[in-house]
Structures are given as structure tokens and as C-alpha cells.
Amino acid sequence: MPLHSFLKGGALLAAVLSFSAHAVTPTTFGTVIGSALLCNDQTVNQPFYDYMVRFFGPPYKRDGGAWWFRTPDARLWDTEISEVMVSDDTWPLVFVGAVAETTPDLLEQAVTAQSGVRYAKIDNSRFPVRETRPGSRIVYFDRKSKIYCAKFKPLPPALR
């Protein structure tokens, strides 16, 4: 076998092994990402970005001020979470968000049942935004929902 064929095969094997290592949702997903989505943690994007890259691989796109990660087989509150978004510093907000494969009504019920967190509808539209006191929000996203925590970036130490 020529050396270049062997190296190509090795690179392919490394890529497959790397992907399979990222295919398993870590046991810390609920503690790290779930807590962040409920605004129970500091919202600083770099640690969340590093966490997502470590366990799910590089983001598949950058859009809307965020890095988007696919999260196969990830679940929070007994609900499938298909994507996680981490802010990319192009917006005045720092945020962590997720796409839940269910409606906002059902996601709200699941979060409340498992965590005790209560959401209030903050508008009277056909598709109301739901919010907790700490600032976690659930919004409509086509036939799915997004849950996120967003905070304004703190001032740099020199400006405090």
C-alpha cells in the first residue's frame, strides 16, 4: 500500500473516531447546558463554546450572532435538544440557547415538572414569549421552540 493511501486512511479513521467521540452526549450536559439555559449560571460564552467543541465537535454554522452546534441524542427535561447556540461576541448580549424538538407549551411543562422553574407569558401575542424571573426565555421557533438565557456583557474592568 502506498504511503499516501495509508495516510489518507489514517486521516479518515481519525476523523471517524473523532466524530464518534463527539456523538455521545456527556453526563454533564444537563448540569452545564441545562443550568445555563435556565440562567442558573454565569453567562460567559467562552466556557460554553469550549464545552460544546469538546463534546460535540466544531460548530456547523455561525449565524445570528451565534455558533450553532448539532447535539445528536441530547436531552434536557425529557425533551430532545437538536441544537445548541453559543453567542459569538458580535452582539451586545452574551447568550446560550437551544432548539427543543417540541412546542413551547410542552417544553414549559417539562421544565417546570423537572426543575420547578415557572415561566410567565410576557406578551399577549399569538406566539407568546415565556420568561422566568432570572431571565430564561422560551420562544416559538417554527414548530419547535428555543430556550435561552441572554445577559448584557459586563463592562470591562477599566470602565467600571
C-alpha atoms as a PDB file:
ATOM      1  CA  MET A   1       0.000   0.000   0.000  1.00  0.00           C
ATOM      2  CA  PRO A   2       1.456   3.400  -0.951  1.00  0.00           C
ATOM      3  CA  LEU A   3       2.222   5.762   1.926  1.00  0.00           C
ATOM      4  CA  HIS A   4      -0.235   8.453   0.760  1.00  0.00           C
ATOM      5  CA  SER A   5      -3.087   5.892   0.706  1.00  0.00           C
ATOM      6  CA  PHE A   6      -2.157   4.784   4.212  1.00  0.00           C
ATOM      7  CA  LEU A   7      -2.107   8.402   5.436  1.00  0.00           C
ATOM      8  CA  LYS A   8      -5.479   9.115   3.812  1.00  0.00           C
ATOM      9  CA  GLY A   9      -6.911   6.023   5.512  1.00  0.00           C
ATOM     10  CA  GLY A  10      -5.396   7.102   8.822  1.00  0.00           C
ATOM     11  CA  ALA A  11      -6.860  10.576   8.465  1.00  0.00           C
ATOM     12  CA  LEU A  12     -10.248   9.075   7.666  1.00  0.00           C
ATOM     13  CA  LEU A  13     -10.035   6.759  10.662  1.00  0.00           C
ATOM     14  CA  ALA A  14      -9.045   9.679  12.917  1.00  0.00           C
ATOM     15  CA  ALA A  15     -11.983  11.727  11.627  1.00  0.00           C
ATOM     16  CA  VAL A  16     -14.413   8.841  12.232  1.00  0.00           C
ATOM     17  CA  LEU A  17     -13.056   8.254  15.726  1.00  0.00           C
ATOM     18  CA  SER A  18     -13.209  11.986  16.465  1.00  0.00           C
ATOM     19  CA  PHE A  19     -16.823  12.150  15.273  1.00  0.00           C
ATOM     20  CA  SER A  20     -17.836   9.089  17.264  1.00  0.00           C
ATOM     21  CA  ALA A  21     -16.206  10.555  20.370  1.00  0.00           C
ATOM     22  CA  HIS A  22     -18.410  13.621  19.941  1.00  0.00           C
ATOM     23  CA  ALA A  23     -21.543  11.585  19.218  1.00  0.00           C
ATOM     24  CA  VAL A  24     -22.177  10.650  22.864  1.00  0.00           C
ATOM     25  CA  THR A  25     -23.883  13.290  24.977  1.00  0.00           C
ATOM     26  CA  PRO A  26     -21.858  13.822  28.158  1.00  0.00           C
ATOM     27  CA  THR A  27     -23.482  13.145  31.522  1.00  0.00           C
ATOM     28  CA  THR A  28     -22.741  16.770  32.450  1.00  0.00           C
ATOM     29  CA  PHE A  29     -24.933  18.164  29.650  1.00  0.00           C
ATOM     30  CA  GLY A  30     -27.901  18.865  31.944  1.00  0.00           C
ATOM     31  CA  THR A  31     -25.764  20.398  34.644  1.00  0.00           C
ATOM     32  CA  VAL A  32     -23.737  22.598  32.307  1.00  0.00           C
ATOM     33  CA  ILE A  33     -26.061  23.487  29.440  1.00  0.00           C
ATOM     34  CA  GLY A  34     -29.398  22.941  31.209  1.00  0.00           C
ATOM     35  CA  SER A  35     -28.404  25.200  34.090  1.00  0.00           C
ATOM     36  CA  ALA A  36     -27.148  27.857  31.683  1.00  0.00           C
ATOM     37  CA  LEU A  37     -30.424  27.808  29.740  1.00  0.00           C
ATOM     38  CA  LEU A  38     -32.317  28.425  32.976  1.00  0.00           C
ATOM     39  CA  CYS A  39     -29.982  31.337  33.841  1.00  0.00           C
ATOM     40  CA  ASN A  40     -28.748  29.437  36.906  1.00  0.00           C
ATOM     41  CA  ASP A  41     -25.134  30.028  35.971  1.00  0.00           C
ATOM     42  CA  GLN A  42     -22.956  32.894  34.842  1.00  0.00           C
ATOM     43  CA  THR A  43     -23.498  33.574  31.182  1.00  0.00           C
ATOM     44  CA  VAL A  44     -19.993  33.799  29.759  1.00  0.00           C
ATOM     45  CA  ASN A  45     -19.751  32.411  26.259  1.00  0.00           C
ATOM     46  CA  GLN A  46     -16.154  31.112  26.064  1.00  0.00           C
ATOM     47  CA  PRO A  47     -16.529  28.250  28.593  1.00  0.00           C
ATOM     48  CA  PHE A  48     -19.753  27.120  26.905  1.00  0.00           C
ATOM     49  CA  TYR A  49     -18.150  27.308  23.461  1.00  0.00           C
ATOM     50  CA  ASP A  50     -15.193  25.234  24.714  1.00  0.00           C
ATOM     51  CA  TYR A  51     -17.563  22.697  26.314  1.00  0.00           C
ATOM     52  CA  MET A  52     -19.569  22.292  23.118  1.00  0.00           C
ATOM     53  CA  VAL A  53     -16.457  21.887  20.937  1.00  0.00           C
ATOM     54  CA  ARG A  54     -15.013  19.341  23.365  1.00  0.00           C
ATOM     55  CA  PHE A  55     -18.105  17.131  23.428  1.00  0.00           C
ATOM     56  CA  PHE A  56     -19.877  17.821  20.125  1.00  0.00           C
ATOM     57  CA  GLY A  57     -17.116  18.950  17.784  1.00  0.00           C
ATOM     58  CA  PRO A  58     -16.827  22.231  15.908  1.00  0.00           C
ATOM     59  CA  PRO A  59     -19.933  24.327  15.237  1.00  0.00           C
ATOM     60  CA  TYR A  60     -21.644  23.586  11.943  1.00  0.00           C
ATOM     61  CA  LYS A  61     -22.519  27.238  11.278  1.00  0.00           C
ATOM     62  CA  ARG A  62     -22.218  30.790  12.531  1.00  0.00           C
ATOM     63  CA  ASP A  63     -25.438  32.750  12.206  1.00  0.00           C
ATOM     64  CA  GLY A  64     -27.435  35.360  14.119  1.00  0.00           C
ATOM     65  CA  GLY A  65     -24.600  36.253  16.462  1.00  0.00           C
ATOM     66  CA  ALA A  66     -24.014  32.657  17.492  1.00  0.00           C
ATOM     67  CA  TRP A  67     -22.075  29.493  16.881  1.00  0.00           C
ATOM     68  CA  TRP A  68     -24.508  26.611  16.208  1.00  0.00           C
ATOM     69  CA  PHE A  69     -23.749  23.060  17.334  1.00  0.00           C
ATOM     70  CA  ARG A  70     -25.682  19.915  16.450  1.00  0.00           C
ATOM     71  CA  THR A  71     -26.429  17.815  19.515  1.00  0.00           C
ATOM     72  CA  PRO A  72     -27.457  14.326  18.401  1.00  0.00           C
ATOM     73  CA  ASP A  73     -29.201  12.303  21.108  1.00  0.00           C
ATOM     74  CA  ALA A  74     -29.069  15.177  23.613  1.00  0.00           C
ATOM     75  CA  ARG A  75     -31.988  15.526  26.003  1.00  0.00           C
ATOM     76  CA  LEU A  76     -32.944  18.021  28.674  1.00  0.00           C
ATOM     77  CA  TRP A  77     -36.121  17.765  30.748  1.00  0.00           C
ATOM     78  CA  ASP A  78     -37.026  14.554  28.838  1.00  0.00           C
ATOM     79  CA  THR A  79     -37.068  16.629  25.635  1.00  0.00           C
ATOM     80  CA  GLU A  80     -34.893  16.200  22.557  1.00  0.00           C
ATOM     81  CA  ILE A  81     -32.433  19.074  22.119  1.00  0.00           C
ATOM     82  CA  SER A  82     -31.272  19.139  18.493  1.00  0.00           C
ATOM     83  CA  GLU A  83     -29.019  22.215  18.545  1.00  0.00           C
ATOM     84  CA  VAL A  84     -27.214  24.475  20.989  1.00  0.00           C
ATOM     85  CA  MET A  85     -26.217  28.065  20.219  1.00  0.00           C
ATOM     86  CA  VAL A  86     -23.435  29.993  21.942  1.00  0.00           C
ATOM     87  CA  SER A  87     -23.011  33.724  21.318  1.00  0.00           C
ATOM     88  CA  ASP A  88     -20.018  34.798  19.226  1.00  0.00           C
ATOM     89  CA  ASP A  89     -19.246  38.305  20.625  1.00  0.00           C
ATOM     90  CA  THR A  90     -20.782  40.156  17.665  1.00  0.00           C
ATOM     91  CA  TRP A  91     -23.884  41.150  19.669  1.00  0.00           C
ATOM     92  CA  PRO A  92     -24.201  43.256  22.828  1.00  0.00           C
ATOM     93  CA  LEU A  93     -25.622  40.181  24.581  1.00  0.00           C
ATOM     94  CA  VAL A  94     -23.925  37.034  25.791  1.00  0.00           C
ATOM     95  CA  PHE A  95     -26.217  34.039  25.465  1.00  0.00           C
ATOM     96  CA  VAL A  96     -26.626  30.289  25.427  1.00  0.00           C
ATOM     97  CA  GLY A  97     -29.637  28.826  23.647  1.00  0.00           C
ATOM     98  CA  ALA A  98     -31.044  25.527  22.464  1.00  0.00           C
ATOM     99  CA  VAL A  99     -33.599  24.239  19.990  1.00  0.00           C
ATOM    100  CA  ALA A 100     -36.079  21.848  21.583  1.00  0.00           C
ATOM    101  CA  GLU A 101     -37.972  19.457  19.360  1.00  0.00           C
ATOM    102  CA  THR A 102     -41.327  20.291  20.935  1.00  0.00           C
ATOM    103  CA  THR A 103     -43.733  23.177  21.282  1.00  0.00           C
ATOM    104  CA  PRO A 104     -43.160  25.973  23.797  1.00  0.00           C
ATOM    105  CA  ASP A 105     -46.201  24.807  25.805  1.00  0.00           C
ATOM    106  CA  LEU A 106     -44.832  21.288  26.198  1.00  0.00           C
ATOM    107  CA  LEU A 107     -41.284  22.488  26.849  1.00  0.00           C
ATOM    108  CA  GLU A 108     -42.530  24.840  29.564  1.00  0.00           C
ATOM    109  CA  GLN A 109     -44.452  21.982  31.205  1.00  0.00           C
ATOM    110  CA  ALA A 110     -41.413  19.680  31.056  1.00  0.00           C
ATOM    111  CA  VAL A 111     -39.030  22.270  32.530  1.00  0.00           C
ATOM    112  CA  THR A 112     -41.473  23.128  35.324  1.00  0.00           C
ATOM    113  CA  ALA A 113     -42.156  19.471  36.141  1.00  0.00           C
ATOM    114  CA  GLN A 114     -38.462  18.606  36.445  1.00  0.00           C
ATOM    115  CA  SER A 115     -36.897  21.774  37.806  1.00  0.00           C
ATOM    116  CA  GLY A 116     -39.739  23.657  39.465  1.00  0.00           C
ATOM    117  CA  VAL A 117     -38.891  26.753  37.395  1.00  0.00           C
ATOM    118  CA  ARG A 118     -42.005  28.703  36.450  1.00  0.00           C
ATOM    119  CA  TYR A 119     -42.431  30.762  33.309  1.00  0.00           C
ATOM    120  CA  ALA A 120     -44.811  33.689  32.795  1.00  0.00           C
ATOM    121  CA  LYS A 121     -46.149  34.756  29.411  1.00  0.00           C
ATOM    122  CA  ILE A 122     -44.825  38.287  28.948  1.00  0.00           C
ATOM    123  CA  ASP A 123     -46.979  39.283  25.970  1.00  0.00           C
ATOM    124  CA  ASN A 124     -50.437  38.560  24.640  1.00  0.00           C
ATOM    125  CA  SER A 125     -49.459  37.643  21.078  1.00  0.00           C
ATOM    126  CA  ARG A 126     -50.500  34.500  19.283  1.00  0.00           C
ATOM    127  CA  PHE A 127     -46.998  33.163  19.993  1.00  0.00           C
ATOM    128  CA  PRO A 128     -46.230  34.484  23.484  1.00  0.00           C
ATOM    129  CA  VAL A 129     -42.732  34.727  24.903  1.00  0.00           C
ATOM    130  CA  ARG A 130     -42.333  32.954  28.238  1.00  0.00           C
ATOM    131  CA  GLU A 131     -39.844  34.225  30.823  1.00  0.00           C
ATOM    132  CA  THR A 132     -38.592  33.324  34.301  1.00  0.00           C
ATOM    133  CA  ARG A 133     -37.514  35.808  36.959  1.00  0.00           C
ATOM    134  CA  PRO A 134     -33.797  35.103  36.324  1.00  0.00           C
ATOM    135  CA  GLY A 135     -34.379  35.777  32.605  1.00  0.00           C
ATOM    136  CA  SER A 136     -34.621  32.384  30.882  1.00  0.00           C
ATOM    137  CA  ARG A 137     -36.963  32.567  27.896  1.00  0.00           C
ATOM    138  CA  ILE A 138     -38.876  30.110  25.760  1.00  0.00           C
ATOM    139  CA  VAL A 139     -39.953  31.291  22.314  1.00  0.00           C
ATOM    140  CA  TYR A 140     -41.537  29.773  19.237  1.00  0.00           C
ATOM    141  CA  PHE A 141     -39.141  28.537  16.533  1.00  0.00           C
ATOM    142  CA  ASP A 142     -41.283  27.313  13.643  1.00  0.00           C
ATOM    143  CA  ARG A 143     -42.995  24.201  15.034  1.00  0.00           C
ATOM    144  CA  LYS A 144     -40.323  23.829  17.690  1.00  0.00           C
ATOM    145  CA  SER A 145     -39.099  26.054  20.479  1.00  0.00           C
ATOM    146  CA  LYS A 146     -35.960  27.846  21.541  1.00  0.00           C
ATOM    147  CA  ILE A 147     -34.959  28.202  25.139  1.00  0.00           C
ATOM    148  CA  TYR A 148     -32.212  30.647  26.028  1.00  0.00           C
ATOM    149  CA  CYS A 149     -30.555  32.814  28.619  1.00  0.00           C
ATOM    150  CA  ALA A 150     -29.169  36.154  27.459  1.00  0.00           C
ATOM    151  CA  LYS A 151     -27.371  38.784  29.507  1.00  0.00           C
ATOM    152  CA  PHE A 152     -25.754  42.086  28.648  1.00  0.00           C
ATOM    153  CA  LYS A 153     -21.998  41.892  28.506  1.00  0.00           C
ATOM    154  CA  PRO A 154     -20.334  43.251  31.627  1.00  0.00           C
ATOM    155  CA  LEU A 155     -18.284  46.410  31.318  1.00  0.00           C
ATOM    156  CA  PRO A 156     -14.554  45.894  31.066  1.00  0.00           C
ATOM    157  CA  PRO A 157     -12.760  46.457  34.413  1.00  0.00           C
ATOM    158  CA  ALA A 158     -11.331  49.808  33.198  1.00  0.00           C
ATOM    159  CA  LEU A 159     -14.860  51.182  32.675  1.00  0.00           C
ATOM    160  CA  ARG A 160     -16.410  50.003  35.970  1.00  0.00           C
END
